[in-house]
């Protein structure tokens, strides 16, 4: 097995994603563009996207990482719009895009057109939420987009299976399709509910951080595979387990949390970067199979399907936002009156991604009777152009659109005040607990050490209030920036002495690693305090 193509993909996509952080272009868009250009360079390996790799091996960890970082409470509060988008819109888009493709493309069977509709129905909100975080969208919109992306893949995969069964001649019926959808949804949630408690118990009872993090990496694959064994939705199983574990992450010991956070950030960065680069690299494969559809007709079909995909989201989002409010007095009393701006951003943030391409590549080349799958190559092409079109057109225009609409972002001062008040309450509780402990003779400490505990507590309590202070008029630094810089300089001086003593053979390398790790933890603590 030649591993060089894989190493080139991972290293190249990571380098491009890192470079994107220094540009105003979101990383997903730059990665796709780079993939498109690089795909035609001489000597580039064949990077055909394999659905047997993407769906069971790449999708689960990405979903797990996104769900674990999401807020279960926020998602529960936005359950109605999330469900209307992740289930209602996906089914609506499947039918609308499928019917439109059937009318637009001569000779494309209705069943094949519905397969196309299901394939391009689920938006990939990885890119949308990346843009949302970068430009500071209101938290409610970000939560809705994140929640949609966690569930809509399950809806789309199930709709695809039903449409594919009809296309290959397995006699699919509406009743059978509804039954399969319910089995996938209910079964996926059930598997997640069954797994989440024992997995969390294991995480809280394993005392070795390396074992705990090994378990953490295995969890999404276990949940996905277990659900798929019962023909249920592996996507929903992964999401349910990850939401529960993320909500109860505070019960896991601190060493595991620190390692886990770093590990999952690295995994998500590598996978997301590679996935978006893979999208662009599919261009030669897709164009090579067009056959009779080459030329102007294929371009017209691609533009038409892209426009239908974009328009169908607007057609769904505005009624889904306004009708529940019109029909329910309870919703009107509980929620603020929405403006036209928020639904417009949600509708425009409907970018498609790698899941659509992976599903499209899983379409069989032949039916059960041996006949070729009518329009398979065209479906691949239209899926590819829709993914690229939405990523480029909507992805590039989303940040300026958000700035033009002037949507109110998060109130940073209000958030800092809330954080300060929360820290003050926690500090008072910690002081009371410290007084109780020190009153016991078994916990006697020399006064300097007891004072140090109180000093650390005071620093943590005051750090948030200091963030509201003025910047230094000489340097322009905030108090946080100055504190972090001075702390880093002090620790750097200590680190240099330790290395010098090691070089002089006064201490050995094992002691050096112990001392450096202690400094690293202190520097990380100082950085987090000043965040």
Protein backbone atom coordinates (compact mmCIF):
# COMPACT_ATOMS: atom_id res chain seq x y z
CA UNK A 1 0.00 0.00 0.00
CA UNK A 2 1.41 3.37 -1.03
CA UNK A 3 0.88 5.79 1.85
CA UNK A 4 2.52 8.76 0.15
CA UNK A 5 -0.74 10.06 -1.46
CA UNK A 6 -2.42 10.04 1.95
CA UNK A 7 0.51 11.84 3.57
CA UNK A 8 0.49 14.43 0.78
CA UNK A 9 -3.26 14.99 1.21
CA UNK A 10 -3.07 15.45 4.98
CA UNK A 11 0.07 17.60 4.96
CA UNK A 12 -1.02 19.72 2.01
CA UNK A 13 -4.54 20.35 3.29
CA UNK A 14 -3.25 21.18 6.78
CA UNK A 15 -0.78 23.69 5.32
CA UNK A 16 -3.50 25.35 3.21
CA UNK A 17 -5.90 25.48 6.16
CA UNK A 18 -3.21 27.07 8.31
CA UNK A 19 -2.45 29.61 5.59
CA UNK A 20 -6.17 30.44 5.33
CA UNK A 21 -6.10 31.77 8.88
CA UNK A 22 -3.94 34.64 7.63
CA UNK A 23 -6.41 35.55 4.87
CA UNK A 24 -10.00 36.79 4.90
CA UNK A 25 -11.05 33.65 2.96
CA UNK A 26 -12.62 30.90 5.10
CA UNK A 27 -10.48 27.76 5.16
CA UNK A 28 -13.10 25.45 3.57
CA UNK A 29 -13.34 27.65 0.48
CA UNK A 30 -9.58 27.98 0.07
CA UNK A 31 -9.18 24.21 0.44
CA UNK A 32 -11.80 23.48 -2.20
CA UNK A 33 -10.26 26.00 -4.59
CA UNK A 34 -6.80 24.53 -4.02
CA UNK A 35 -8.16 21.04 -4.67
CA UNK A 36 -9.71 22.15 -7.95
CA UNK A 37 -6.43 23.66 -9.15
CA UNK A 38 -4.16 20.89 -7.89
CA UNK A 39 -6.35 18.12 -9.35
CA UNK A 40 -5.01 18.87 -12.84
CA UNK A 41 -1.34 19.24 -11.98
CA UNK A 42 0.85 16.51 -13.50
CA UNK A 43 1.79 13.69 -11.16
CA UNK A 44 -1.08 14.21 -8.71
CA UNK A 45 -2.38 10.84 -7.44
CA UNK A 46 -5.95 9.71 -8.05
CA UNK A 47 -7.99 10.79 -5.03
CA UNK A 48 -11.32 9.16 -5.86
CA UNK A 49 -13.68 9.69 -2.94
CA UNK A 50 -14.66 6.33 -1.44
CA UNK A 51 -18.04 6.33 0.36
CA UNK A 52 -16.98 3.21 2.29
CA UNK A 53 -14.29 5.37 3.88
CA UNK A 54 -16.08 8.71 4.24
CA UNK A 55 -19.36 7.55 5.78
CA UNK A 56 -18.15 5.06 8.43
CA UNK A 57 -14.65 6.43 9.10
CA UNK A 58 -14.62 10.20 8.53
CA UNK A 59 -18.20 11.30 9.21
CA UNK A 60 -18.51 9.80 12.75
CA UNK A 61 -15.53 11.62 14.34
CA UNK A 62 -16.54 14.91 12.68
CA UNK A 63 -20.08 14.55 14.00
CA UNK A 64 -18.83 13.53 17.44
CA UNK A 65 -16.50 16.52 17.68
CA UNK A 66 -19.20 18.96 16.57
CA UNK A 67 -21.87 17.49 18.84
CA UNK A 68 -19.60 17.32 21.90
CA UNK A 69 -18.76 21.01 21.44
CA UNK A 70 -22.43 21.94 21.02
CA UNK A 71 -24.74 22.92 23.84
CA UNK A 72 -27.43 20.38 24.65
CA UNK A 73 -29.45 23.04 26.45
CA UNK A 74 -29.22 25.50 23.55
CA UNK A 75 -30.17 22.82 21.03
CA UNK A 76 -33.12 21.77 23.16
CA UNK A 77 -34.26 25.39 23.30
CA UNK A 78 -34.09 25.57 19.48
CA UNK A 79 -35.60 22.12 18.88
CA UNK A 80 -38.41 23.35 16.62
CA UNK A 81 -36.32 25.25 14.02
CA UNK A 82 -33.62 22.55 14.11
CA UNK A 83 -36.17 19.79 13.46
CA UNK A 84 -37.90 21.76 10.73
CA UNK A 85 -34.59 22.22 8.93
CA UNK A 86 -32.88 18.89 9.58
CA UNK A 87 -35.93 16.75 8.82
CA UNK A 88 -38.60 18.87 7.15
CA UNK A 89 -36.35 20.83 4.82
CA UNK A 90 -34.28 17.81 3.77
CA UNK A 91 -37.40 15.87 2.74
CA UNK A 92 -38.84 18.97 1.06
CA UNK A 93 -35.61 19.59 -0.86
CA UNK A 94 -35.46 15.93 -1.90
CA UNK A 95 -38.88 16.18 -3.53
CA UNK A 96 -38.50 19.67 -5.00
CA UNK A 97 -35.01 19.19 -6.44
CA UNK A 98 -35.90 15.71 -7.65
CA UNK A 99 -39.04 16.89 -9.46
CA UNK A 100 -37.19 19.88 -10.95
CA UNK A 101 -34.35 17.66 -12.21
CA UNK A 102 -36.89 15.28 -13.72
CA UNK A 103 -38.46 18.17 -15.63
CA UNK A 104 -35.13 19.76 -16.64
CA UNK A 105 -33.07 16.74 -17.75
CA UNK A 106 -34.58 14.77 -20.65
CA UNK A 107 -34.43 11.05 -20.17
CA UNK A 108 -33.63 11.15 -16.45
CA UNK A 109 -36.06 8.79 -14.66
CA UNK A 110 -38.09 10.20 -11.79
CA UNK A 111 -36.54 7.69 -9.40
CA UNK A 112 -33.04 8.76 -10.46
CA UNK A 113 -34.03 12.40 -10.10
CA UNK A 114 -35.25 11.73 -6.54
CA UNK A 115 -31.91 10.06 -5.81
CA UNK A 116 -30.25 13.31 -6.90
CA UNK A 117 -32.65 15.29 -4.71
CA UNK A 118 -31.80 13.22 -1.66
CA UNK A 119 -28.07 13.46 -2.37
CA UNK A 120 -27.96 17.27 -2.54
CA UNK A 121 -30.60 17.88 0.14
CA UNK A 122 -28.45 18.08 3.32
CA UNK A 123 -26.47 21.29 3.85
CA UNK A 124 -23.03 20.85 5.35
CA UNK A 125 -22.95 23.47 8.07
CA UNK A 126 -19.26 22.90 8.87
CA UNK A 127 -18.38 25.68 6.46
CA UNK A 128 -21.36 27.81 7.51
CA UNK A 129 -20.60 27.58 11.22
CA UNK A 130 -16.93 28.27 10.54
CA UNK A 131 -17.98 31.50 8.85
CA UNK A 132 -20.53 32.18 11.59
CA UNK A 133 -17.90 31.95 14.32
CA UNK A 134 -15.51 34.10 12.31
CA UNK A 135 -17.92 36.97 11.69
CA UNK A 136 -19.78 36.72 15.00
CA UNK A 137 -23.29 35.60 14.13
CA UNK A 138 -25.88 35.73 16.92
CA UNK A 139 -25.68 32.61 19.07
CA UNK A 140 -29.24 31.52 18.17
CA UNK A 141 -28.47 31.37 14.43
CA UNK A 142 -25.20 29.53 15.08
CA UNK A 143 -27.02 27.00 17.28
CA UNK A 144 -29.67 26.39 14.62
CA UNK A 145 -27.06 25.84 11.90
CA UNK A 146 -25.04 23.52 14.12
CA UNK A 147 -28.11 21.56 15.16
CA UNK A 148 -29.24 21.19 11.56
CA UNK A 149 -25.85 19.83 10.49
CA UNK A 150 -25.87 17.23 13.27
CA UNK A 151 -29.14 15.60 12.20
CA UNK A 152 -29.78 16.34 8.53
CA UNK A 153 -27.28 13.76 7.26
CA UNK A 154 -29.34 11.01 8.88
CA UNK A 155 -32.49 12.26 7.14
CA UNK A 156 -30.75 12.54 3.78
CA UNK A 157 -29.12 9.10 3.96
CA UNK A 158 -32.46 7.49 4.78
CA UNK A 159 -34.24 9.39 1.99
CA UNK A 160 -31.46 8.33 -0.39
CA UNK A 161 -31.85 4.67 0.55
CA UNK A 162 -35.58 4.80 -0.12
CA UNK A 163 -35.14 6.60 -3.46
CA UNK A 164 -32.32 4.23 -4.45
CA UNK A 165 -34.46 1.18 -3.65
CA UNK A 166 -37.12 2.49 -6.03
CA UNK A 167 -34.52 3.31 -8.69
CA UNK A 168 -32.91 -0.15 -8.69
CA UNK A 169 -36.28 -1.90 -8.82
CA UNK A 170 -36.73 -3.15 -5.27
CA UNK A 171 -40.39 -2.17 -5.23
CA UNK A 172 -40.19 0.58 -2.63
CA UNK A 173 -43.52 1.97 -1.44
CA UNK A 174 -44.50 5.06 0.50
CA UNK A 175 -45.39 2.90 3.51
CA UNK A 176 -42.07 1.10 3.29
CA UNK A 177 -40.21 4.38 2.96
CA UNK A 178 -41.92 5.84 6.03
CA UNK A 179 -41.22 2.63 7.93
CA UNK A 180 -37.53 2.72 7.00
CA UNK A 181 -37.31 6.37 7.99
CA UNK A 182 -38.89 5.67 11.40
CA UNK A 183 -36.62 2.65 11.93
CA UNK A 184 -33.55 4.72 11.13
CA UNK A 185 -34.59 7.66 13.32
CA UNK A 186 -36.00 5.82 16.33
CA UNK A 187 -33.39 3.09 16.13
CA UNK A 188 -30.50 5.53 15.90
CA UNK A 189 -31.72 7.52 18.90
CA UNK A 190 -32.37 4.30 20.84
CA UNK A 191 -28.88 2.95 20.20
CA UNK A 192 -27.42 6.28 21.32
CA UNK A 193 -29.50 6.24 24.51
CA UNK A 194 -28.44 2.68 25.30
CA UNK A 195 -24.75 3.39 24.76
CA UNK A 196 -24.36 6.80 26.35
CA UNK A 197 -24.69 5.82 30.03
CA UNK A 198 -22.26 2.85 30.08
CA UNK A 199 -19.75 4.79 27.96
CA UNK A 200 -19.95 7.73 30.38
CA UNK A 201 -19.54 5.34 33.31
CA UNK A 202 -16.39 3.96 31.72
CA UNK A 203 -15.05 7.47 31.13
CA UNK A 204 -15.55 8.44 34.77
CA UNK A 205 -14.12 5.21 36.21
CA UNK A 206 -11.02 4.79 34.07
CA UNK A 207 -8.22 6.54 35.93
CA UNK A 208 -5.58 6.53 33.22
CA UNK A 209 -5.91 9.56 30.88
CA UNK A 210 -4.35 7.67 27.96
CA UNK A 211 -6.95 4.90 28.25
CA UNK A 212 -9.72 7.47 28.59
CA UNK A 213 -8.61 9.28 25.46
CA UNK A 214 -8.28 6.02 23.55
CA UNK A 215 -11.88 5.28 24.51
CA UNK A 216 -12.86 8.79 23.45
CA UNK A 217 -11.45 8.21 19.96
CA UNK A 218 -13.29 4.89 19.64
CA UNK A 219 -16.69 6.16 20.80
CA UNK A 220 -18.00 7.64 17.49
CA UNK A 221 -17.01 4.54 15.52
CA UNK A 222 -18.60 2.21 18.07
CA UNK A 223 -21.85 4.19 18.13
CA UNK A 224 -22.03 4.42 14.34
CA UNK A 225 -21.24 0.74 13.75
CA UNK A 226 -23.64 -0.46 16.45
CA UNK A 227 -26.55 1.49 14.99
CA UNK A 228 -25.79 0.39 11.43
CA UNK A 229 -25.86 -3.24 12.59
CA UNK A 230 -29.55 -2.75 13.39
CA UNK A 231 -30.17 -0.83 10.12
CA UNK A 232 -30.66 2.29 12.22
CA UNK A 233 -29.07 5.70 11.75
CA UNK A 234 -25.44 5.67 12.82
CA UNK A 235 -25.43 9.46 12.49
CA UNK A 236 -28.13 9.90 15.14
CA UNK A 237 -26.47 7.38 17.45
CA UNK A 238 -23.19 9.31 17.30
CA UNK A 239 -24.92 12.64 17.90
CA UNK A 240 -26.96 11.40 20.88
CA UNK A 241 -23.92 9.87 22.57
CA UNK A 242 -21.71 12.92 21.91
CA UNK A 243 -24.32 15.41 23.18
CA UNK A 244 -24.68 13.45 26.42
CA UNK A 245 -20.94 13.11 26.93
CA UNK A 246 -20.37 16.78 26.15
CA UNK A 247 -23.09 17.79 28.60
CA UNK A 248 -21.53 15.64 31.35
CA UNK A 249 -17.88 16.30 30.48
CA UNK A 250 -17.36 18.12 33.78
CA UNK A 251 -17.55 14.77 35.59
CA UNK A 252 -14.37 13.52 33.87
CA UNK A 253 -11.06 14.32 35.58
CA UNK A 254 -9.15 17.41 34.49
CA UNK A 255 -6.16 15.56 32.98
CA UNK A 256 -8.43 13.68 30.61
CA UNK A 257 -10.29 16.85 29.62
CA UNK A 258 -7.06 18.68 28.84
CA UNK A 259 -5.70 15.85 26.70
CA UNK A 260 -9.06 15.17 25.07
CA UNK A 261 -9.54 18.78 24.08
CA UNK A 262 -6.16 18.89 22.35
CA UNK A 263 -6.62 15.49 20.68
CA UNK A 264 -10.07 16.23 19.28
CA UNK A 265 -9.07 19.68 18.04
CA UNK A 266 -6.24 18.05 16.10
CA UNK A 267 -8.48 15.27 14.74
CA UNK A 268 -11.20 17.69 13.65
CA UNK A 269 -8.66 20.03 12.03
CA UNK A 270 -7.01 17.22 10.02
CA UNK A 271 -10.28 15.61 8.93
CA UNK A 272 -12.06 18.86 8.02
CA UNK A 273 -9.07 20.11 6.06
CA UNK A 274 -8.64 16.82 4.19
CA UNK A 275 -12.36 16.53 3.44
CA UNK A 276 -12.66 19.94 1.81
CA UNK A 277 -9.49 19.37 -0.20
CA UNK A 278 -10.93 16.02 -1.33
CA UNK A 279 -14.02 17.80 -2.67
CA UNK A 280 -11.93 19.87 -5.08
CA UNK A 281 -9.79 16.89 -6.07
CA UNK A 282 -12.85 15.03 -7.43
CA UNK A 283 -13.09 17.26 -10.52
CA UNK A 284 -11.22 14.96 -12.98
CA UNK A 285 -13.18 11.91 -11.82
CA UNK A 286 -16.53 13.65 -12.22
CA UNK A 287 -15.78 15.20 -15.60
CA UNK A 288 -14.30 11.97 -16.90
CA UNK A 289 -17.59 10.13 -16.57
CA UNK A 290 -19.95 12.68 -18.12
CA UNK A 291 -20.07 11.01 -21.52
CA UNK A 292 -23.13 12.10 -23.52
CA UNK A 293 -23.85 15.03 -21.18
CA UNK A 294 -20.65 16.96 -21.95
CA UNK A 295 -20.78 20.56 -23.14
CA UNK A 296 -23.31 23.34 -22.81
CA UNK A 297 -26.18 21.08 -21.80
CA UNK A 298 -24.32 19.86 -18.74
CA UNK A 299 -23.56 23.45 -17.70
CA UNK A 300 -27.21 24.41 -18.10
CA UNK A 301 -28.34 21.45 -16.01
CA UNK A 302 -25.80 22.34 -13.33
CA UNK A 303 -26.88 25.98 -13.15
CA UNK A 304 -30.57 25.05 -13.07
CA UNK A 305 -30.15 22.49 -10.27
CA UNK A 306 -27.99 24.91 -8.28
CA UNK A 307 -30.66 27.62 -8.54
CA UNK A 308 -33.41 25.19 -7.51
CA UNK A 309 -31.36 24.06 -4.50
CA UNK A 310 -30.78 27.65 -3.35
CA UNK A 311 -34.37 28.77 -4.01
CA UNK A 312 -35.94 25.75 -2.30
CA UNK A 313 -34.22 26.64 0.96
CA UNK A 314 -35.70 30.13 0.93
CA UNK A 315 -39.11 28.70 0.07
CA UNK A 316 -38.89 26.47 3.14
CA UNK A 317 -37.12 28.68 5.69
CA UNK A 318 -39.45 31.69 5.71
CA UNK A 319 -42.74 29.76 6.17
CA UNK A 320 -41.03 27.47 8.70
CA UNK A 321 -40.00 30.56 10.65
CA UNK A 322 -43.23 32.57 10.44
CA UNK A 323 -46.06 30.01 10.34
CA UNK A 324 -45.46 28.43 13.78
CA UNK A 325 -45.53 31.91 15.29
CA UNK A 326 -48.76 32.76 13.47
CA UNK A 327 -50.43 29.53 14.58
CA UNK A 328 -49.30 29.40 18.21
CA UNK A 329 -49.96 32.04 20.83
CA UNK A 330 -47.53 30.27 23.14
CA UNK A 331 -44.68 30.75 20.66
CA UNK A 332 -45.61 34.42 20.22
CA UNK A 333 -45.52 34.94 23.98
CA UNK A 334 -42.25 33.07 24.48
CA UNK A 335 -40.16 34.25 21.53
CA UNK A 336 -39.27 37.65 20.13
CA UNK A 337 -40.79 38.66 16.82
CA UNK A 338 -38.28 37.59 14.14
CA UNK A 339 -37.12 40.02 11.48
CA UNK A 340 -36.54 39.03 7.87
CA UNK A 341 -32.76 39.15 8.34
CA UNK A 342 -32.15 36.05 10.46
CA UNK A 343 -34.15 33.70 8.19
CA UNK A 344 -32.37 35.17 5.18
CA UNK A 345 -28.95 34.33 6.65
CA UNK A 346 -30.10 30.82 7.61
CA UNK A 347 -31.46 30.28 4.11
CA UNK A 348 -28.29 31.57 2.46
CA UNK A 349 -26.06 29.42 4.70
CA UNK A 350 -27.15 26.23 2.96
CA UNK A 351 -23.78 25.11 1.66
CA UNK A 352 -23.36 21.48 0.64
CA UNK A 353 -20.34 19.34 1.45
CA UNK A 354 -18.57 16.02 1.40
CA UNK A 355 -21.52 13.95 2.64
CA UNK A 356 -23.44 14.74 -0.54
CA UNK A 357 -20.48 13.66 -2.66
CA UNK A 358 -19.92 10.51 -0.63
CA UNK A 359 -23.58 9.49 -1.03
CA UNK A 360 -23.43 10.23 -4.76
CA UNK A 361 -20.34 8.07 -5.22
CA UNK A 362 -22.14 5.20 -3.46
CA UNK A 363 -24.79 5.03 -6.22
CA UNK A 364 -24.35 1.60 -7.88
CA UNK A 365 -23.27 1.52 -11.50
CA UNK A 366 -25.85 -1.15 -12.41
CA UNK A 367 -29.38 -2.13 -11.47
CA UNK A 368 -30.33 -5.59 -10.21
CA UNK A 369 -31.09 -6.71 -13.75
CA UNK A 370 -27.61 -5.71 -14.93
CA UNK A 371 -28.74 -2.58 -16.77
CA UNK A 372 -26.66 0.59 -16.20
CA UNK A 373 -28.00 3.03 -13.61
CA UNK A 374 -29.57 5.69 -15.82
CA UNK A 375 -27.99 9.10 -15.31
CA UNK A 376 -25.50 8.02 -12.61
CA UNK A 377 -22.62 10.01 -14.09
CA UNK A 378 -24.83 13.05 -14.54
CA UNK A 379 -26.00 12.80 -10.92
CA UNK A 380 -22.36 12.73 -9.82
CA UNK A 381 -21.64 15.81 -11.94
CA UNK A 382 -24.68 17.73 -10.70
CA UNK A 383 -23.86 16.86 -7.10
CA UNK A 384 -20.30 18.07 -7.57
CA UNK A 385 -21.31 21.32 -9.22
CA UNK A 386 -23.95 21.96 -6.55
CA UNK A 387 -21.42 21.41 -3.77
CA UNK A 388 -18.84 23.64 -5.43
CA UNK A 389 -21.44 26.26 -6.39
CA UNK A 390 -22.87 26.58 -2.89
CA UNK A 391 -19.44 26.60 -1.24
CA UNK A 392 -18.08 29.25 -3.57
CA UNK A 393 -21.11 31.47 -4.23
CA UNK A 394 -22.73 31.31 -0.81
CA UNK A 395 -19.53 30.80 1.15
CA UNK A 396 -17.79 33.83 -0.34
CA UNK A 397 -20.80 36.12 -0.04
CA UNK A 398 -21.96 35.04 3.44
CA UNK A 399 -19.49 37.16 5.47
CA UNK A 400 -20.18 40.43 3.58
CA UNK A 401 -23.91 39.64 3.65
CA UNK A 402 -23.79 39.32 7.44
CA UNK A 403 -21.92 42.61 7.71
CA UNK A 404 -24.38 44.39 5.39
CA UNK A 405 -27.40 43.10 7.32
CA UNK A 406 -25.78 44.25 10.58
CA UNK A 407 -27.14 41.41 12.62
CA UNK A 408 -26.54 42.01 16.33
CA UNK A 409 -23.67 39.81 17.46
CA UNK A 410 -22.96 38.65 20.95
CA UNK A 411 -22.65 41.40 23.55
CA UNK A 412 -19.08 40.81 24.70
CA UNK A 413 -19.37 43.14 27.68
CA UNK A 414 -22.56 41.43 28.87
CA UNK A 415 -20.90 38.04 28.48
CA UNK A 416 -17.86 39.19 30.44
CA UNK A 417 -20.10 40.54 33.23
CA UNK A 418 -21.97 37.24 33.37
CA UNK A 419 -18.66 35.38 33.52
CA UNK A 420 -17.41 37.67 36.28
CA UNK A 421 -20.55 37.16 38.35
CA UNK A 422 -20.37 33.40 37.89
CA UNK A 423 -16.71 33.39 38.93
CA UNK A 424 -17.51 35.54 41.98
CA UNK A 425 -20.17 33.07 43.15
CA UNK A 426 -17.82 30.14 42.59
CA UNK A 427 -14.98 31.90 44.42
CA UNK A 428 -17.17 32.57 47.46
CA UNK A 429 -18.08 28.88 47.57
CA UNK A 430 -14.38 27.95 47.24
CA UNK A 431 -13.44 30.32 50.09
CA UNK A 432 -16.06 28.81 52.38
CA UNK A 433 -14.83 25.32 51.52
CA UNK A 434 -11.20 26.34 52.13
CA UNK A 435 -12.10 27.79 55.55
CA UNK A 436 -13.89 24.55 56.46
CA UNK A 437 -10.90 22.46 55.41
CA UNK A 438 -8.31 24.62 57.16
CA UNK A 439 -10.30 24.52 60.41
CA UNK A 440 -9.57 20.80 60.56
CA UNK A 441 -6.19 20.02 62.11
CA UNK A 442 -5.64 17.23 59.60
CA UNK A 443 -5.49 19.87 56.84
CA UNK A 444 -3.05 22.20 58.62
CA UNK A 445 -0.84 24.17 56.24
CA UNK A 446 1.96 26.67 56.88
CA UNK A 447 0.56 30.21 56.57
CA UNK A 448 2.47 30.98 53.32
CA UNK A 449 0.88 27.99 51.56
CA UNK A 450 -2.59 28.83 52.86
CA UNK A 451 -2.10 32.42 51.69
CA UNK A 452 -1.00 31.13 48.29
CA UNK A 453 -4.28 29.23 47.92
CA UNK A 454 -6.22 32.39 48.71
CA UNK A 455 -4.03 34.45 46.35
CA UNK A 456 -4.67 32.08 43.45
CA UNK A 457 -8.38 32.27 44.17
CA UNK A 458 -8.28 36.08 44.23
CA UNK A 459 -6.40 36.15 40.94
CA UNK A 460 -8.98 33.94 39.30
CA UNK A 461 -11.84 36.03 40.66
CA UNK A 462 -10.34 39.38 39.65
CA UNK A 463 -9.07 38.33 36.23
CA UNK A 464 -12.48 38.61 34.58
CA UNK A 465 -13.20 42.04 36.06
CA UNK A 466 -9.80 43.25 34.88
CA UNK A 467 -10.80 42.31 31.35
CA UNK A 468 -13.29 45.19 31.41
CA UNK A 469 -10.51 47.70 32.12
CA UNK A 470 -8.90 50.14 29.72
CA UNK A 471 -6.04 49.26 27.41
CA UNK A 472 -2.51 50.38 28.20
CA UNK A 473 -2.13 53.80 26.50
CA UNK A 474 1.56 53.13 25.76
CA UNK A 475 1.33 49.64 24.25
CA UNK A 476 -2.34 49.29 23.34
CA UNK A 477 -2.41 45.98 25.22
CA UNK A 478 -5.28 44.96 27.41
CA UNK A 479 -4.58 43.87 30.96
CA UNK A 480 -5.02 40.27 29.82
CA UNK A 481 -2.44 40.68 27.06
CA UNK A 482 0.10 42.22 29.42
CA UNK A 483 -0.45 39.55 32.07
CA UNK A 484 -0.05 36.77 29.51
CA UNK A 485 3.08 38.34 28.02
CA UNK A 486 4.80 38.94 31.36
CA UNK A 487 3.93 35.46 32.59
CA UNK A 488 5.36 34.00 29.38
CA UNK A 489 8.57 36.02 29.77
CA UNK A 490 9.06 34.82 33.36
CA UNK A 491 8.43 31.19 32.46
CA UNK A 492 10.73 31.52 29.45
CA UNK A 493 13.54 32.70 31.73
CA UNK A 494 13.01 29.69 34.01
CA UNK A 495 12.91 27.33 31.04
CA UNK A 496 16.24 28.64 29.72
CA UNK A 497 17.90 28.02 33.12
CA UNK A 498 16.59 24.45 33.26
CA UNK A 499 17.92 23.70 29.78
CA UNK A 500 21.30 25.23 30.66
CA UNK A 501 21.52 23.10 33.82
CA UNK A 502 20.73 20.02 31.76
CA UNK A 503 23.47 20.90 29.27
CA UNK A 504 25.90 21.30 32.18
CA UNK A 505 24.87 17.80 33.37
CA UNK A 506 23.63 19.23 36.68
CA UNK A 507 20.23 17.62 36.03
CA UNK A 508 19.37 14.78 33.66
CA UNK A 509 16.84 14.76 30.81
CA UNK A 510 14.17 13.00 32.85
CA UNK A 511 14.26 15.75 35.47
CA UNK A 512 14.28 18.35 32.71
CA UNK A 513 11.09 16.91 31.21
CA UNK A 514 9.44 16.95 34.64
CA UNK A 515 10.39 20.58 35.24
CA UNK A 516 9.38 21.67 31.73
CA UNK A 517 6.01 19.93 32.02
CA UNK A 518 5.37 21.83 35.26
CA UNK A 519 6.18 25.10 33.50
CA UNK A 520 4.02 24.16 30.52
CA UNK A 521 1.04 23.57 32.82
CA UNK A 522 1.62 26.90 34.57
CA UNK A 523 1.88 28.71 31.24
CA UNK A 524 -1.31 27.04 30.02
CA UNK A 525 -3.06 28.06 33.25
CA UNK A 526 -1.89 31.67 32.86
CA UNK A 527 -3.07 31.73 29.26
CA UNK A 528 -6.49 30.34 30.17
CA UNK A 529 -6.89 32.81 33.03
CA UNK A 530 -6.29 35.67 30.62
CA UNK A 531 -8.63 34.35 27.93
